[in-house]
Amino acid sequence: MPRNPVERNVVTRFILGFAVLTLMYVVGGAVGGPLVSMAGPVAGFIGVFVGALVAFALFAHWYARYDASFGTE
């Protein structure tokens, strides 16, 4: 059974995980933070968290489909 090339190597898994965490807070936070920052500084932090969570959910959905493509023979 073919296996996902990212999952075969610990280093690539670590790099992908680090890149996803960075992407979550840079892209998701940059989109979510300003949307609610007018409500106050605490709302800005909540907006960054929600934006990062949405970015993570989108990536998790994409990666689950990518990983499942290696399960078919």
C-alpha atoms as a PDB file:
ATOM      1  CA  MET A   1       0.000   0.000   0.000  1.00  0.00           C
ATOM      2  CA  PRO A   2       1.521   3.380  -0.957  1.00  0.00           C
ATOM      3  CA  ARG A   3       2.101   5.759   1.894  1.00  0.00           C
ATOM      4  CA  ASN A   4       1.967   9.524   2.014  1.00  0.00           C
ATOM      5  CA  PRO A   5       5.521  10.801   1.348  1.00  0.00           C
ATOM      6  CA  VAL A   6       5.144  13.523   3.970  1.00  0.00           C
ATOM      7  CA  GLU A   7       4.304  10.969   6.658  1.00  0.00           C
ATOM      8  CA  ARG A   8       7.284   8.739   5.832  1.00  0.00           C
ATOM      9  CA  ASN A   9       9.879  11.158   7.183  1.00  0.00           C
ATOM     10  CA  VAL A  10       9.890  12.731  10.651  1.00  0.00           C
ATOM     11  CA  VAL A  11      11.694  15.837   9.406  1.00  0.00           C
ATOM     12  CA  THR A  12       9.129  16.572   6.703  1.00  0.00           C
ATOM     13  CA  ARG A  13       6.303  16.055   9.198  1.00  0.00           C
ATOM     14  CA  PHE A  14       7.930  18.553  11.579  1.00  0.00           C
ATOM     15  CA  ILE A  15       8.527  21.103   8.816  1.00  0.00           C
ATOM     16  CA  LEU A  16       4.951  20.768   7.555  1.00  0.00           C
ATOM     17  CA  GLY A  17       3.567  21.133  11.080  1.00  0.00           C
ATOM     18  CA  PHE A  18       5.682  24.209  11.751  1.00  0.00           C
ATOM     19  CA  ALA A  19       4.659  25.735   8.417  1.00  0.00           C
ATOM     20  CA  VAL A  20       0.985  25.096   9.138  1.00  0.00           C
ATOM     21  CA  LEU A  21       1.224  26.695  12.588  1.00  0.00           C
ATOM     22  CA  THR A  22       2.959  29.718  11.081  1.00  0.00           C
ATOM     23  CA  LEU A  23       0.402  29.934   8.298  1.00  0.00           C
ATOM     24  CA  MET A  24      -2.442  29.730  10.803  1.00  0.00           C
ATOM     25  CA  TYR A  25      -1.288  32.737  12.780  1.00  0.00           C
ATOM     26  CA  VAL A  26       0.106  34.825   9.937  1.00  0.00           C
ATOM     27  CA  VAL A  27      -2.688  34.425   7.411  1.00  0.00           C
ATOM     28  CA  GLY A  28      -5.606  33.525   9.654  1.00  0.00           C
ATOM     29  CA  GLY A  29      -4.655  36.095  12.264  1.00  0.00           C
ATOM     30  CA  ALA A  30      -4.112  38.813   9.689  1.00  0.00           C
ATOM     31  CA  VAL A  31      -7.600  38.224   8.327  1.00  0.00           C
ATOM     32  CA  GLY A  32      -9.451  37.585  11.590  1.00  0.00           C
ATOM     33  CA  GLY A  33      -7.776  40.174  13.827  1.00  0.00           C
ATOM     34  CA  PRO A  34      -8.699  43.394  12.017  1.00  0.00           C
ATOM     35  CA  LEU A  35     -12.280  42.259  11.467  1.00  0.00           C
ATOM     36  CA  VAL A  36     -13.093  42.526  15.146  1.00  0.00           C
ATOM     37  CA  SER A  37     -10.315  44.797  16.452  1.00  0.00           C
ATOM     38  CA  MET A  38     -12.595  47.842  16.487  1.00  0.00           C
ATOM     39  CA  ALA A  39     -14.427  46.262  19.405  1.00  0.00           C
ATOM     40  CA  GLY A  40     -11.303  46.514  21.581  1.00  0.00           C
ATOM     41  CA  PRO A  41      -7.934  44.897  22.120  1.00  0.00           C
ATOM     42  CA  VAL A  42      -9.324  41.699  23.636  1.00  0.00           C
ATOM     43  CA  ALA A  43     -11.610  41.251  20.650  1.00  0.00           C
ATOM     44  CA  GLY A  44      -8.551  41.526  18.396  1.00  0.00           C
ATOM     45  CA  PHE A  45      -6.953  38.563  20.171  1.00  0.00           C
ATOM     46  CA  ILE A  46     -10.179  36.596  19.804  1.00  0.00           C
ATOM     47  CA  GLY A  47     -10.277  37.490  16.104  1.00  0.00           C
ATOM     48  CA  VAL A  48      -6.720  36.216  15.634  1.00  0.00           C
ATOM     49  CA  PHE A  49      -7.642  32.979  17.393  1.00  0.00           C
ATOM     50  CA  VAL A  50     -10.777  32.476  15.300  1.00  0.00           C
ATOM     51  CA  GLY A  51      -8.916  33.305  12.079  1.00  0.00           C
ATOM     52  CA  ALA A  52      -6.152  30.845  12.957  1.00  0.00           C
ATOM     53  CA  LEU A  53      -8.724  28.186  13.790  1.00  0.00           C
ATOM     54  CA  VAL A  54     -10.446  28.654  10.433  1.00  0.00           C
ATOM     55  CA  ALA A  55      -7.099  28.457   8.596  1.00  0.00           C
ATOM     56  CA  PHE A  56      -6.288  25.237  10.472  1.00  0.00           C
ATOM     57  CA  ALA A  57      -9.687  23.712   9.687  1.00  0.00           C
ATOM     58  CA  LEU A  58      -9.261  24.476   5.991  1.00  0.00           C
ATOM     59  CA  PHE A  59      -5.782  22.957   5.937  1.00  0.00           C
ATOM     60  CA  ALA A  60      -6.912  19.887   7.901  1.00  0.00           C
ATOM     61  CA  HIS A  61      -9.715  19.300   5.396  1.00  0.00           C
ATOM     62  CA  TRP A  62      -7.326  19.605   2.440  1.00  0.00           C
ATOM     63  CA  TYR A  63      -4.658  17.408   4.048  1.00  0.00           C
ATOM     64  CA  ALA A  64      -7.160  14.687   4.984  1.00  0.00           C
ATOM     65  CA  ARG A  65      -8.217  14.459   1.336  1.00  0.00           C
ATOM     66  CA  TYR A  66      -4.564  14.440   0.209  1.00  0.00           C
ATOM     67  CA  ASP A  67      -3.659  11.712   2.692  1.00  0.00           C
ATOM     68  CA  ALA A  68      -6.685   9.612   1.745  1.00  0.00           C
ATOM     69  CA  SER A  69      -5.578   9.617  -1.873  1.00  0.00           C
ATOM     70  CA  PHE A  70      -2.675   7.353  -0.896  1.00  0.00           C
ATOM     71  CA  GLY A  71      -4.989   4.748   0.629  1.00  0.00           C
ATOM     72  CA  THR A  72      -6.509   3.637  -2.658  1.00  0.00           C
ATOM     73  CA  GLU A  73      -4.850   0.944  -4.698  1.00  0.00           C
END
